[in-house]
């Protein structure tokens, strides 16, 4: 009986010491712990969210300075002169310092989230920061603000469109007079590669663009 008790206690002590041993190994070697793996779907959602936050957070002071410089240069040289192409991204796009600044900003802001082809389209069509340009609108007294309060991004459940993501963003708009209105922005993004948008389309901005034009 005495020997059995000794063996039983010894077994318990062995188990306890084993637990401490394994716990100690885990704590002493944190570098061996598994790394957090970000799924392709998470990358896709993050890309769409980043683009929406940038597009609907107004003003962007860096963008304003760049566009003012472009407008100023265009006024100085005339919009119908050959030199104007160097300023506004025409046939000689990328030549002027003003246009280079714009391209660099778009690349910094949107480049990480678009495929190469989609990014080239952003530059050639000058559609990046579309909701920012009205802030200038050639009227110095126009000073509105936008901010995103909520973003929902949902992957398509259709097996034929696995790369399609629908998004909805709640945008708060404040005009010059301090009046606030809420707008629901809806659209679709196609993620051609993990975390890379091949197509980004806003189907309905909840009257936001009309509101900006009306306040101007």
Protein backbone atom coordinates (compact mmCIF):
# COMPACT_ATOMS: atom_id res chain seq x y z
CA UNK A 1 0.00 0.00 0.00
CA UNK A 2 2.78 2.40 0.93
CA UNK A 3 4.66 1.66 -2.30
CA UNK A 4 1.50 2.23 -4.32
CA UNK A 5 1.00 5.64 -2.70
CA UNK A 6 4.59 6.58 -3.48
CA UNK A 7 4.14 5.51 -7.11
CA UNK A 8 0.83 7.43 -7.35
CA UNK A 9 2.37 10.59 -5.90
CA UNK A 10 5.38 10.19 -8.11
CA UNK A 11 3.14 9.93 -11.16
CA UNK A 12 1.29 13.12 -10.21
CA UNK A 13 4.55 14.98 -9.65
CA UNK A 14 5.81 13.79 -13.02
CA UNK A 15 2.69 15.09 -14.75
CA UNK A 16 2.91 18.46 -12.98
CA UNK A 17 6.58 18.86 -13.76
CA UNK A 18 5.89 17.92 -17.39
CA UNK A 19 3.24 20.64 -17.63
CA UNK A 20 5.68 23.21 -16.25
CA UNK A 21 8.32 21.98 -18.67
CA UNK A 22 6.09 22.46 -21.73
CA UNK A 23 4.85 25.81 -20.48
CA UNK A 24 8.42 26.93 -19.95
CA UNK A 25 9.37 25.91 -23.47
CA UNK A 26 6.52 27.92 -24.95
CA UNK A 27 7.47 31.06 -23.09
CA UNK A 28 11.19 30.77 -23.68
CA UNK A 29 10.87 30.33 -27.44
CA UNK A 30 8.29 32.87 -28.63
CA UNK A 31 10.01 33.02 -32.01
CA UNK A 32 8.80 29.49 -32.69
CA UNK A 33 5.17 30.49 -32.32
CA UNK A 34 3.10 30.48 -35.49
CA UNK A 35 2.97 33.74 -37.43
CA UNK A 36 -0.40 35.35 -38.08
CA UNK A 37 -1.35 34.65 -41.69
CA UNK A 38 -3.49 37.26 -43.43
CA UNK A 39 -5.91 35.58 -45.84
CA UNK A 40 -6.43 36.77 -49.40
CA UNK A 41 -9.98 37.76 -48.51
CA UNK A 42 -8.76 39.94 -45.64
CA UNK A 43 -6.24 41.62 -47.96
CA UNK A 44 -8.99 42.28 -50.49
CA UNK A 45 -11.29 43.82 -47.91
CA UNK A 46 -8.48 45.98 -46.52
CA UNK A 47 -7.67 47.26 -50.03
CA UNK A 48 -11.27 48.31 -50.70
CA UNK A 49 -11.54 49.96 -47.28
CA UNK A 50 -8.30 51.91 -47.80
CA UNK A 51 -9.45 53.28 -51.16
CA UNK A 52 -12.85 54.35 -49.79
CA UNK A 53 -11.28 56.04 -46.77
CA UNK A 54 -8.91 57.99 -49.01
CA UNK A 55 -11.51 58.97 -51.59
CA UNK A 56 -14.05 60.17 -49.04
CA UNK A 57 -11.81 61.87 -46.51
CA UNK A 58 -11.79 65.52 -47.58
CA UNK A 59 -9.81 67.72 -47.58
CA UNK A 60 -6.46 66.16 -48.40
CA UNK A 61 -4.05 69.07 -47.98
CA UNK A 62 -1.30 67.53 -50.14
CA UNK A 63 -3.73 67.02 -53.01
CA UNK A 64 -5.03 70.59 -52.71
CA UNK A 65 -1.55 72.06 -53.05
CA UNK A 66 -0.81 69.92 -56.11
CA UNK A 67 -4.05 70.78 -57.92
CA UNK A 68 -3.68 74.49 -57.14
CA UNK A 69 -0.20 74.38 -58.68
CA UNK A 70 -1.55 72.66 -61.79
CA UNK A 71 -4.38 75.17 -62.15
CA UNK A 72 -2.00 78.07 -61.63
CA UNK A 73 0.40 76.74 -64.26
CA UNK A 74 -2.42 76.14 -66.75
CA UNK A 75 -3.62 79.72 -66.25
CA UNK A 76 -0.12 81.07 -66.86
CA UNK A 77 0.58 79.19 -70.09
CA UNK A 78 -2.99 78.83 -71.42
CA UNK A 79 -4.98 75.62 -71.60
CA UNK A 80 -4.81 75.35 -75.42
CA UNK A 81 -1.04 75.63 -75.83
CA UNK A 82 1.25 72.68 -76.60
CA UNK A 83 2.95 73.17 -73.24
CA UNK A 84 -0.37 72.50 -71.48
CA UNK A 85 -0.02 68.80 -72.30
CA UNK A 86 3.03 68.67 -70.07
CA UNK A 87 1.04 70.04 -67.14
CA UNK A 88 -2.27 68.18 -67.31
CA UNK A 89 -1.06 64.73 -68.32
CA UNK A 90 -1.78 64.90 -72.03
CA UNK A 91 0.47 63.53 -74.74
CA UNK A 92 3.58 64.60 -72.86
CA UNK A 93 2.32 63.39 -69.48
CA UNK A 94 4.83 63.20 -66.70
CA UNK A 95 7.06 65.96 -68.07
CA UNK A 96 6.16 68.88 -65.81
CA UNK A 97 6.94 69.02 -62.10
CA UNK A 98 3.28 69.77 -61.39
CA UNK A 99 2.09 66.60 -63.12
CA UNK A 100 4.85 64.48 -61.59
CA UNK A 101 3.67 65.59 -58.15
CA UNK A 102 0.14 64.44 -58.96
CA UNK A 103 1.31 61.06 -60.26
CA UNK A 104 3.51 60.54 -57.20
CA UNK A 105 0.62 61.28 -54.84
CA UNK A 106 -1.73 58.89 -56.64
CA UNK A 107 0.98 56.24 -56.61
CA UNK A 108 1.61 56.69 -52.90
CA UNK A 109 -2.08 56.69 -52.00
CA UNK A 110 -3.60 54.17 -54.40
CA UNK A 111 -0.64 52.29 -55.88
CA UNK A 112 -0.47 49.60 -53.18
CA UNK A 113 -4.11 48.65 -53.76
CA UNK A 114 -4.44 48.53 -57.56
CA UNK A 115 -3.05 46.30 -60.28
CA UNK A 116 -0.61 47.95 -62.68
CA UNK A 117 -3.22 48.23 -65.44
CA UNK A 118 -5.85 49.67 -63.11
CA UNK A 119 -3.34 52.17 -61.74
CA UNK A 120 -2.45 53.31 -65.26
CA UNK A 121 -6.16 53.91 -65.85
CA UNK A 122 -6.35 56.06 -62.71
CA UNK A 123 -3.59 58.26 -64.09
CA UNK A 124 -4.70 58.45 -67.72
CA UNK A 125 -8.32 59.27 -66.85
CA UNK A 126 -7.43 61.47 -63.84
CA UNK A 127 -10.25 59.95 -61.76
CA UNK A 128 -8.34 59.49 -58.51
CA UNK A 129 -9.52 61.92 -55.83
CA UNK A 130 -12.68 62.57 -57.86
CA UNK A 131 -14.59 63.72 -54.81
CA UNK A 132 -11.78 66.06 -53.77
CA UNK A 133 -11.53 68.25 -56.83
CA UNK A 134 -14.84 70.00 -56.24
CA UNK A 135 -13.29 71.32 -53.05
CA UNK A 136 -11.41 73.74 -55.26
CA UNK A 137 -13.76 74.03 -58.18
CA UNK A 138 -12.08 77.33 -59.08
CA UNK A 139 -14.03 78.91 -56.21
CA UNK A 140 -11.80 79.82 -53.29
CA UNK A 141 -14.77 80.09 -50.93
CA UNK A 142 -15.73 76.42 -51.33
CA UNK A 143 -14.55 74.54 -48.26
CA UNK A 144 -16.51 71.37 -47.57
CA UNK A 145 -15.53 68.34 -45.53
CA UNK A 146 -16.15 64.61 -45.81
CA UNK A 147 -15.43 61.70 -43.53
CA UNK A 148 -16.30 58.01 -43.56
CA UNK A 149 -18.16 56.74 -40.52
CA UNK A 150 -18.66 53.11 -41.57
CA UNK A 151 -17.54 50.73 -44.34
CA UNK A 152 -18.96 47.31 -45.15
CA UNK A 153 -17.25 45.08 -47.73
CA UNK A 154 -18.86 41.77 -48.71
CA UNK A 155 -17.49 39.08 -50.98
CA UNK A 156 -19.79 37.87 -53.73
CA UNK A 157 -21.52 34.56 -53.00
CA UNK A 158 -21.93 33.87 -56.71
CA UNK A 159 -19.54 31.08 -57.74
CA UNK A 160 -19.22 32.73 -61.16
CA UNK A 161 -17.90 36.00 -59.69
CA UNK A 162 -15.59 34.95 -56.83
CA UNK A 163 -13.41 38.06 -57.20
CA UNK A 164 -16.29 40.54 -56.90
CA UNK A 165 -16.75 42.52 -53.69
CA UNK A 166 -19.73 44.77 -52.97
CA UNK A 167 -19.14 47.72 -50.67
CA UNK A 168 -21.23 50.25 -48.77
CA UNK A 169 -19.79 53.32 -47.05
CA UNK A 170 -21.53 55.86 -44.86
CA UNK A 171 -20.14 59.31 -45.65
CA UNK A 172 -20.76 62.41 -43.55
CA UNK A 173 -20.67 65.63 -45.57
CA UNK A 174 -20.38 69.11 -44.07
CA UNK A 175 -20.83 72.17 -46.29
CA UNK A 176 -19.52 75.73 -45.93
CA UNK A 177 -22.40 76.70 -43.66
CA UNK A 178 -21.67 73.81 -41.30
CA UNK A 179 -24.75 71.87 -42.38
CA UNK A 180 -24.28 68.10 -42.14
CA UNK A 181 -25.83 65.45 -44.36
CA UNK A 182 -25.39 61.67 -44.53
CA UNK A 183 -24.82 59.80 -47.78
CA UNK A 184 -24.66 56.07 -48.46
CA UNK A 185 -22.11 55.18 -51.12
CA UNK A 186 -22.46 51.82 -52.89
CA UNK A 187 -20.31 50.10 -55.45
CA UNK A 188 -18.35 47.08 -56.60
CA UNK A 189 -14.67 46.21 -56.72
CA UNK A 190 -13.03 43.37 -58.61
CA UNK A 191 -9.93 42.03 -56.86
CA UNK A 192 -7.88 40.59 -59.71
CA UNK A 193 -5.04 39.60 -57.37
CA UNK A 194 -4.86 39.24 -53.57
CA UNK A 195 -5.08 42.79 -52.22
CA UNK A 196 -5.04 44.32 -55.72
CA UNK A 197 -8.06 45.98 -57.31
CA UNK A 198 -8.55 45.49 -61.05
CA UNK A 199 -11.73 47.53 -61.26
CA UNK A 200 -13.37 49.93 -58.82
CA UNK A 201 -16.82 51.30 -59.53
CA UNK A 202 -19.11 53.55 -57.50
CA UNK A 203 -22.65 52.82 -58.65
CA UNK A 204 -24.52 55.13 -56.28
CA UNK A 205 -23.10 57.92 -54.08
CA UNK A 206 -26.36 58.75 -52.35
CA UNK A 207 -26.57 62.19 -53.95
CA UNK A 208 -23.19 63.25 -52.60
CA UNK A 209 -21.84 64.65 -55.87
CA UNK A 210 -25.04 66.60 -56.49
CA UNK A 211 -24.84 68.01 -52.98
CA UNK A 212 -21.30 69.29 -53.59
CA UNK A 213 -22.29 70.89 -56.89
CA UNK A 214 -25.33 72.49 -55.29
CA UNK A 215 -23.26 74.02 -52.48
CA UNK A 216 -20.84 75.50 -55.03
